[in-house]
Protein backbone atom coordinates (compact mmCIF):
# COMPACT_ATOMS: atom_id res chain seq x y z
CA MET A 1 -0.11 0.01 0.20
CA LYS A 2 1.32 3.23 -1.11
CA ALA A 3 1.40 6.17 2.04
CA GLY A 4 -1.34 8.77 1.16
CA ARG A 5 -5.32 8.31 0.92
CA PRO A 6 -6.61 5.52 3.10
CA PRO A 7 -7.25 2.59 0.89
CA THR A 8 -10.91 1.27 0.51
CA PRO A 9 -12.16 -1.82 1.90
CA GLU A 10 -12.18 -3.33 -1.69
CA GLN A 11 -8.52 -2.12 -2.17
CA ARG A 12 -7.50 -3.68 1.19
CA GLU A 13 -8.89 -6.86 0.25
CA ALA A 14 -7.62 -6.87 -3.45
CA GLU A 15 -3.76 -5.88 -2.15
CA HIS A 16 -4.15 -8.80 0.43
CA HIS A 17 -4.90 -11.43 -2.04
CA ARG A 18 -2.45 -10.01 -4.50
CA TRP A 19 0.17 -10.70 -1.85
CA VAL A 20 -0.72 -13.95 -0.83
CA THR A 21 -0.78 -14.78 -4.59
CA ARG A 22 2.84 -13.84 -4.46
CA ALA A 23 3.44 -16.09 -1.16
CA GLU A 24 1.99 -19.05 -3.08
CA ARG A 25 3.88 -18.93 -6.02
CA VAL A 26 7.14 -18.90 -3.67
CA ALA A 27 5.73 -21.87 -2.12
CA GLU A 28 5.41 -23.45 -5.29
CA LEU A 29 9.29 -22.95 -5.68
CA ILE A 30 10.30 -24.07 -2.14
CA ASP A 31 8.05 -26.88 -2.31
CA GLY A 32 9.75 -28.29 -5.49
CA HIS A 33 13.18 -27.60 -4.05
CA THR A 34 12.30 -29.28 -0.75
CA ARG A 35 11.21 -32.30 -2.08
CA ARG A 36 14.49 -32.62 -4.11
CA THR A 37 16.92 -31.85 -1.24
CA ALA A 38 14.74 -33.94 1.63
CA ASP A 39 17.87 -34.56 3.61
CA ARG A 40 19.58 -31.12 3.51
CA GLY A 41 21.83 -30.50 6.16
CA PRO A 42 22.04 -27.61 8.60
CA ALA A 43 23.12 -24.73 6.10
CA PRO A 44 21.88 -21.39 6.52
CA PRO A 45 18.96 -20.91 4.31
CA VAL A 46 20.73 -18.39 2.31
CA ALA A 47 19.18 -19.30 -0.99
CA GLU A 48 15.57 -19.29 0.64
CA ALA A 49 16.14 -15.70 2.06
CA GLU A 50 17.16 -14.40 -1.21
CA LEU A 51 13.85 -15.93 -2.67
CA LEU A 52 11.88 -14.08 -0.21
CA ARG A 53 13.86 -11.05 -0.81
CA GLN A 54 13.16 -11.24 -4.47
CA HIS A 55 9.70 -11.46 -4.00
CA GLY A 56 9.20 -8.85 -1.73
CA LEU A 57 7.89 -10.49 1.14
CA LEU A 58 10.44 -9.34 3.58
CA THR A 59 8.99 -5.94 3.54
CA LEU A 60 5.57 -6.74 3.65
CA LEU A 61 4.84 -5.87 6.76
CA THR A 62 7.10 -2.40 6.92
CA PRO A 63 4.62 0.56 7.10
CA ALA A 64 4.84 2.67 3.73
CA ALA A 65 5.77 5.26 5.54
CA HIS A 66 9.17 3.68 5.81
CA GLY A 67 9.40 2.30 2.68
CA GLY A 68 7.49 -1.15 3.09
CA ALA A 69 4.20 -2.55 1.49
CA GLY A 70 1.96 -1.30 4.58
CA LEU A 71 0.20 -4.64 4.67
CA THR A 72 -1.12 -5.73 8.21
CA TRP A 73 -0.80 -9.06 10.38
CA ARG A 74 -3.61 -10.45 8.49
CA THR A 75 -1.23 -11.15 5.35
CA ALA A 76 1.98 -11.53 7.00
CA LEU A 77 0.40 -14.61 8.80
CA ALA A 78 -1.31 -15.67 5.67
CA ALA A 79 2.08 -15.40 4.14
CA VAL A 80 3.61 -17.57 6.86
CA ARG A 81 0.93 -20.37 6.75
CA VAL A 82 1.26 -20.61 2.93
CA LEU A 83 4.93 -21.15 2.97
CA ALA A 84 5.12 -23.25 6.09
CA GLY A 85 2.83 -25.69 3.74
CA ALA A 86 5.57 -25.84 1.71
CA ASP A 87 8.70 -25.98 4.20
CA GLY A 88 8.44 -25.14 7.80
CA ARG A 89 11.59 -24.06 8.11
CA ILE A 90 10.60 -21.31 5.81
CA GLY A 91 7.64 -20.84 7.36
CA TYR A 92 9.48 -20.21 10.73
CA LEU A 93 12.28 -18.25 8.68
CA LEU A 94 9.66 -15.68 7.54
CA GLY A 95 7.43 -15.59 10.68
CA ASP A 96 10.52 -15.08 12.50
CA HIS A 97 11.42 -12.12 10.09
CA TYR A 98 7.99 -10.38 10.86
CA VAL A 99 7.89 -10.48 14.42
CA SER A 100 11.58 -9.28 14.68
CA ASN A 101 11.16 -6.54 12.40
CA ALA A 102 8.03 -5.56 14.25
CA SER A 103 9.66 -5.04 17.63
CA LEU A 104 10.42 -1.51 15.65
CA TRP A 105 6.95 -0.69 14.89
CA LEU A 106 5.09 -2.02 18.19
CA ALA A 107 7.91 -1.16 20.65
CA GLY A 108 10.59 1.17 19.34
CA GLY A 109 10.71 5.06 19.46
CA PRO A 110 10.97 7.16 16.61
CA ARG A 111 14.66 7.23 16.52
CA VAL A 112 15.57 3.47 16.18
CA GLN A 113 12.39 3.20 13.50
CA ALA A 114 13.93 6.25 11.63
CA LEU A 115 17.59 4.27 11.72
CA LEU A 116 16.79 0.89 11.33
CA GLY A 117 13.47 0.84 9.37
CA ARG A 118 13.90 2.67 6.21
CA PRO A 119 17.29 0.93 5.14
CA SER A 120 16.07 -2.35 6.32
CA ALA A 121 13.04 -1.82 3.89
CA GLU A 122 15.34 -0.22 0.97
CA ARG A 123 17.97 -2.97 1.25
CA GLN A 124 15.42 -5.78 2.00
CA TRP A 125 17.07 -6.88 5.37
CA LEU A 126 16.25 -10.20 6.63
CA TRP A 127 15.53 -9.90 10.05
CA SER A 128 15.88 -12.82 13.26
CA ASP A 129 16.24 -12.63 16.86
CA VAL A 130 18.11 -14.24 19.66
CA VAL A 131 15.99 -14.22 22.82
CA VAL A 132 15.57 -17.17 24.77
CA PRO A 133 13.17 -16.83 27.86
CA GLY A 134 14.59 -17.96 30.93
CA ALA A 135 17.91 -18.53 29.68
CA ALA A 136 21.23 -16.83 31.43
CA PRO A 137 20.98 -13.28 29.59
CA LEU A 138 23.58 -12.09 27.54
CA THR A 139 25.50 -9.09 29.02
CA LEU A 140 25.30 -5.34 28.08
CA THR A 141 28.20 -3.27 29.56
CA ALA A 142 28.03 0.58 29.19
CA ASP A 143 30.81 1.80 27.13
CA GLY A 144 30.76 5.76 26.22
CA ASP A 145 27.72 6.11 24.37
CA GLY A 146 26.72 2.61 23.80
CA TYR A 147 27.39 -0.94 24.89
CA ARG A 148 29.46 -3.81 24.79
CA LEU A 149 27.32 -7.25 24.21
CA SER A 150 28.92 -10.48 25.59
CA GLY A 151 27.45 -14.16 25.57
CA THR A 152 27.01 -17.02 23.89
CA ARG A 153 23.53 -18.35 22.63
CA LEU A 154 22.01 -21.45 20.74
CA ALA A 155 19.68 -20.14 18.28
CA PRO A 156 17.78 -20.92 14.85
CA ILE A 157 19.71 -21.57 12.10
CA GLY A 158 18.09 -18.70 10.14
CA VAL A 159 19.86 -16.10 12.59
CA ALA A 160 23.06 -17.04 10.58
CA ALA A 161 21.40 -15.56 7.29
CA ALA A 162 19.73 -12.77 8.65
CA ASP A 163 21.21 -9.05 7.91
CA MET A 164 19.87 -7.64 11.75
CA THR A 165 19.48 -9.42 14.64
CA VAL A 166 17.26 -8.51 18.02
CA VAL A 167 18.87 -9.66 21.05
CA ALA A 168 17.84 -9.77 24.56
CA ALA A 169 20.55 -8.81 26.86
CA ALA A 170 20.71 -7.69 30.44
CA HIS A 171 22.34 -4.44 31.32
CA THR A 172 25.35 -5.71 34.06
CA ASP A 173 24.86 -2.71 36.11
CA SER A 174 20.98 -2.17 36.53
CA ALA A 175 20.09 -5.83 35.21
CA GLU A 176 17.41 -4.17 32.81
CA PRO A 177 16.59 -6.64 29.96
CA LEU A 178 16.91 -4.65 26.85
CA LEU A 179 16.18 -5.45 23.14
CA VAL A 180 19.02 -4.09 20.92
CA GLY A 181 19.57 -4.34 17.12
CA VAL A 182 22.79 -6.51 15.72
CA PRO A 183 24.04 -5.84 12.65
CA ARG A 184 25.16 -9.17 10.98
CA GLU A 185 28.52 -7.68 10.03
CA SER A 186 29.14 -6.46 13.58
CA LYS A 187 32.79 -7.11 14.33
CA GLY A 188 32.98 -9.91 17.22
CA VAL A 189 29.80 -11.74 16.08
CA THR A 190 30.64 -15.34 15.10
CA PHE A 191 28.29 -18.20 13.92
CA THR A 192 29.33 -22.05 14.63
CA PRO A 193 26.60 -24.68 13.03
CA GLU A 194 25.30 -27.40 15.51
CA PRO A 195 24.11 -30.38 13.38
CA GLU A 196 22.86 -32.10 16.56
CA SER A 197 20.67 -29.16 17.53
CA THR A 198 16.77 -28.87 17.72
CA VAL A 199 16.43 -25.40 17.35
CA PRO A 200 13.94 -25.35 15.68
CA ARG A 201 14.86 -28.50 13.43
CA PRO A 202 18.14 -30.73 13.94
CA ASP A 203 19.73 -27.48 11.92
CA GLY A 204 20.84 -24.49 14.54
CA VAL A 205 23.77 -22.33 14.85
CA THR A 206 25.51 -21.27 18.24
CA VAL A 207 26.02 -17.61 18.05
CA ARG A 208 28.92 -15.88 20.01
CA TYR A 209 29.37 -12.09 20.98
CA ASP A 210 32.45 -11.24 21.95
CA ARG A 211 32.25 -7.31 22.88
CA VAL A 212 30.20 -6.53 20.02
CA TRP A 213 29.84 -2.59 19.78
CA ILE A 214 26.15 -1.65 20.29
CA PRO A 215 25.55 2.00 19.70
CA SER A 216 22.52 3.66 22.13
CA GLU A 217 20.47 4.28 18.84
CA HIS A 218 20.31 0.58 18.46
CA VAL A 219 18.17 0.01 21.70
CA VAL A 220 14.60 -1.05 20.60
CA CYS A 221 13.36 -0.97 24.02
CA SER A 222 13.14 -2.07 27.54
CA LEU A 223 11.69 -5.48 28.27
CA ASP A 224 11.00 -4.88 31.75
CA PRO A 225 7.39 -6.12 32.46
CA ASP A 226 7.25 -2.80 34.91
CA THR A 227 7.91 -0.68 32.04
CA ALA A 228 5.73 -2.25 29.19
CA THR A 229 3.12 -0.90 27.26
CA PRO A 230 -0.37 -2.99 25.64
CA ARG A 231 1.06 -2.04 22.55
CA ALA A 232 4.73 -3.14 22.90
CA SER A 233 3.52 -6.27 24.26
CA LEU A 234 1.56 -6.98 21.30
CA LEU A 235 4.95 -8.60 20.16
CA GLY A 236 4.63 -11.62 22.26
CA LEU A 237 0.94 -12.11 20.81
CA ALA A 238 2.33 -11.66 17.58
CA ILE A 239 5.01 -14.88 18.56
CA GLN A 240 1.57 -17.03 19.31
CA ALA A 241 -0.07 -15.64 16.32
CA VAL A 242 3.22 -16.82 14.18
CA SER A 243 3.28 -19.92 16.16
CA GLY A 244 -0.33 -20.87 15.54
CA HIS A 245 -0.29 -20.63 11.96
CA LEU A 246 3.14 -22.07 11.26
CA CYS A 247 1.63 -25.12 12.76
CA LEU A 248 -1.56 -25.28 10.80
CA GLY A 249 0.52 -24.80 7.51
CA ILE A 250 2.57 -27.59 8.30
CA ALA A 251 -0.29 -29.72 8.83
CA GLU A 252 -2.31 -28.52 5.88
CA GLY A 253 1.17 -29.14 3.86
CA ALA A 254 1.47 -32.79 4.86
CA MET A 255 -2.39 -33.47 3.90
CA ARG A 256 -2.04 -32.01 0.34
CA TYR A 257 1.34 -34.02 -0.27
CA CYS A 258 -0.22 -37.16 0.70
CA ARG A 259 -3.04 -36.32 -1.67
CA SER A 260 -0.54 -35.69 -4.82
CA GLY A 261 1.41 -38.57 -3.95
CA ALA A 262 -1.35 -41.38 -3.35
CA PRO A 263 -0.46 -44.38 -5.56
CA GLY A 264 -3.29 -44.57 -7.98
CA GLY A 265 -5.35 -47.15 -8.17
CA THR A 266 -4.93 -47.69 -4.42
CA PRO A 267 -8.12 -46.55 -2.47
CA PRO A 268 -7.30 -46.03 0.94
CA GLY A 269 -8.78 -48.21 3.91
CA ALA A 270 -11.67 -47.09 6.22
CA ARG A 271 -9.37 -46.36 8.77
CA ALA A 272 -7.65 -44.06 6.59
CA LEU A 273 -10.92 -42.38 4.83
CA ALA A 274 -11.88 -41.82 8.99
CA GLY A 275 -8.75 -40.06 9.60
CA TYR A 276 -8.40 -37.85 6.71
CA GLY A 277 -12.39 -36.86 7.10
CA THR A 278 -11.58 -36.18 10.71
CA TRP A 279 -8.37 -34.23 10.11
CA LEU A 280 -10.00 -32.05 7.37
CA ALA A 281 -12.69 -30.88 9.68
CA ALA A 282 -10.29 -30.46 12.10
CA LEU A 283 -8.29 -28.01 9.98
CA ASP A 284 -11.03 -25.98 8.54
CA ALA A 285 -12.12 -25.18 12.20
CA ALA A 286 -8.68 -24.22 13.22
CA GLY A 287 -8.21 -22.32 9.94
CA GLU A 288 -11.24 -20.14 10.82
CA LEU A 289 -9.90 -19.37 14.08
CA ALA A 290 -6.77 -18.51 12.49
CA LYS A 291 -8.49 -15.92 10.51
CA ARG A 292 -9.96 -14.16 13.09
CA VAL A 293 -6.95 -14.03 15.14
CA ALA A 294 -5.10 -12.32 12.19
CA GLU A 295 -7.81 -10.01 11.90
CA GLN A 296 -7.81 -9.01 15.80
CA LEU A 297 -4.20 -8.84 15.98
CA ALA A 298 -4.10 -6.45 12.74
CA ASP A 299 -6.79 -4.43 14.28
CA ALA A 300 -4.83 -4.15 17.43
CA ALA A 301 -1.52 -3.37 15.99
CA ALA A 302 -3.39 -0.56 13.79
CA ARG A 303 -4.79 1.44 16.84
CA PRO A 304 -2.42 4.07 18.46
CA THR A 305 -3.68 3.20 21.93
CA LEU A 306 -4.47 0.00 23.75
CA THR A 307 -5.69 -0.50 27.07
CA TRP A 308 -4.28 -3.50 29.12
CA PRO A 309 -7.63 -4.82 29.67
CA GLU A 310 -8.05 -4.75 25.66
CA ARG A 311 -4.74 -6.71 25.55
CA ALA A 312 -5.88 -9.35 27.99
CA GLU A 313 -9.01 -10.21 26.16
CA LEU A 314 -6.97 -10.20 22.93
CA ALA A 315 -4.58 -12.55 24.29
CA ALA A 316 -7.17 -15.06 25.58
CA ARG A 317 -8.08 -15.36 22.39
CA VAL A 318 -4.70 -15.92 20.16
CA SER A 319 -3.51 -18.19 22.65
CA ARG A 320 -6.36 -20.25 21.73
CA LEU A 321 -4.60 -20.52 18.28
CA PRO A 322 -1.32 -22.36 18.92
CA ILE A 323 -2.95 -24.78 21.43
CA LEU A 324 -5.42 -26.06 18.82
CA ALA A 325 -2.78 -25.81 15.87
CA ALA A 326 0.10 -27.29 17.78
CA ASP A 327 -1.73 -30.50 18.90
CA LEU A 328 -3.89 -30.61 15.49
CA ALA A 329 -0.38 -30.68 13.72
CA THR A 330 1.42 -33.26 15.71
CA GLU A 331 -1.92 -35.58 15.17
CA VAL A 332 -2.09 -34.97 11.48
CA THR A 333 1.67 -35.45 10.66
CA PHE A 334 1.96 -38.36 12.60
CA GLY A 335 -1.37 -39.88 11.55
CA LEU A 336 -0.66 -39.25 7.93
CA TYR A 337 3.00 -40.65 8.62
CA GLU A 338 1.66 -43.96 9.73
CA THR A 339 -1.13 -43.98 6.83
CA THR A 340 1.60 -43.60 3.91
CA SER A 341 4.62 -45.64 5.41
CA ASP A 342 4.00 -48.05 2.33
CA TRP A 343 3.52 -45.89 -0.13
CA PRO A 344 6.46 -45.68 -2.73
CA SER A 345 6.10 -42.27 -3.04
CA GLN A 346 6.39 -41.71 0.78
CA GLN A 347 9.89 -40.90 0.88
CA GLY A 348 10.52 -37.18 1.95
CA PHE A 349 7.23 -37.10 4.01
CA ASP A 350 8.61 -37.54 7.06
CA ARG A 351 9.87 -34.25 7.29
CA PHE A 352 6.31 -32.77 7.86
CA TRP A 353 6.24 -34.81 11.28
CA ARG A 354 9.73 -33.98 12.21
CA ASP A 355 8.84 -30.10 11.45
CA ALA A 356 5.54 -30.35 13.62
CA ARG A 357 7.36 -32.27 16.31
CA ALA A 358 10.54 -29.68 16.47
CA TYR A 359 8.07 -26.39 16.34
CA THR A 360 5.80 -27.69 19.02
CA ALA A 361 8.50 -28.54 21.30
CA GLY A 362 9.13 -24.66 21.66
CA ILE A 363 5.78 -23.76 22.49
CA PRO A 364 4.90 -23.53 26.25
CA LEU A 365 1.67 -25.40 25.53
CA ASP A 366 0.63 -26.40 29.23
CA LYS A 367 1.39 -22.61 30.19
CA ARG A 368 -1.03 -21.46 27.40
CA ARG A 369 -3.75 -23.94 28.78
CA ARG A 370 -3.48 -22.47 32.10
CA GLU A 371 -3.49 -18.94 31.15
CA VAL A 372 -7.11 -19.60 28.71
CA ALA A 373 -8.40 -21.43 31.37
CA GLN A 374 -7.83 -19.04 34.22
CA HIS A 375 -9.03 -16.09 32.08
CA PHE A 376 -12.16 -17.78 31.37
CA LEU A 377 -12.86 -19.00 34.86
CA THR A 378 -11.61 -15.89 36.64
CA GLY A 379 -10.84 -13.21 34.51
CA ALA A 380 -7.03 -13.50 35.24
CA GLU A 381 -4.78 -11.45 32.88
CA PRO A 382 -2.51 -13.34 31.02
CA ALA A 383 1.52 -12.70 31.16
CA ARG A 384 2.09 -8.83 29.95
CA THR A 385 5.22 -9.52 28.44
CA ASP A 386 5.81 -12.73 27.31
CA LEU A 387 8.14 -13.45 24.29
CA ALA A 388 8.23 -17.30 24.71
């Protein structure tokens, strides 16, 4: 969307479908590549990132005023879901990019938005994050008009392909947790592949920060819950929405893969047919929930002000999606894996249930279930700053 006169509802809908169609074209290219290289090693997804860049998907969510396409979370999440159906790793890569970049627009101030936002759009930067809730914090030590970032962290392989990474670290003097932007070419940043890592598939990377210079202008925001705003806290809800769309896309991709790979002339048995019918019905229901979540998140992100009670209601609704989608992705992909075990064309299908297993393992489902239940029963407010 161009900056200027607000688009009509019809124009917004047409633009949404245009970008989803673009994502579908990218998914077709990625799906063909993934089928040919199902046993790829833990290499950074540089080629895949370039494909996203060439088709403009990296600036989809960036505001038009800063050089981006100016679309909303509704379209961004639809793109994640489409790409996850072709390759869960690339769906994750794009979803992580959207959340990491959105830290500028949801939590950052005008200064960091101007400094990093427009160059990111102009150069089509890929963003990623090194934010691990509960882990020993990386450290930021004051040094002149900035900080020195130090520490080591296991991270998704996409970090090694990212142009900009947002990193959570604690100030050594005040212990305040801060979110800072770290360019890939920064001196003192090293990446070591971890073939046996499960972050988020068996392909991760260890990132080491050795007194990396962080200018004060690269501080995106504080992660202190006492200073959080309702708008900034939408980052945590965006992560949940991405997780839900990612899991849903993986399950839908598995269903399509089995339909296209079914051996001709061999009708499935009664048990398999029952499974297909149940899963299709469940996926339709989850898909409707995903659409509502995307629309509600987009509406909240578009508002200049948001109250904590409004955010709590939204959080309780958004959290339902990863709960449902994660369980469904596991059930569908494992059930299909069993159903197709004797197909000649089954080779390569295991990537779907491996993706589902790996990505759902990172979602704190028990915590989400408790929060949804407590909000329903007592009105208790979900965690305000939760980047899990």
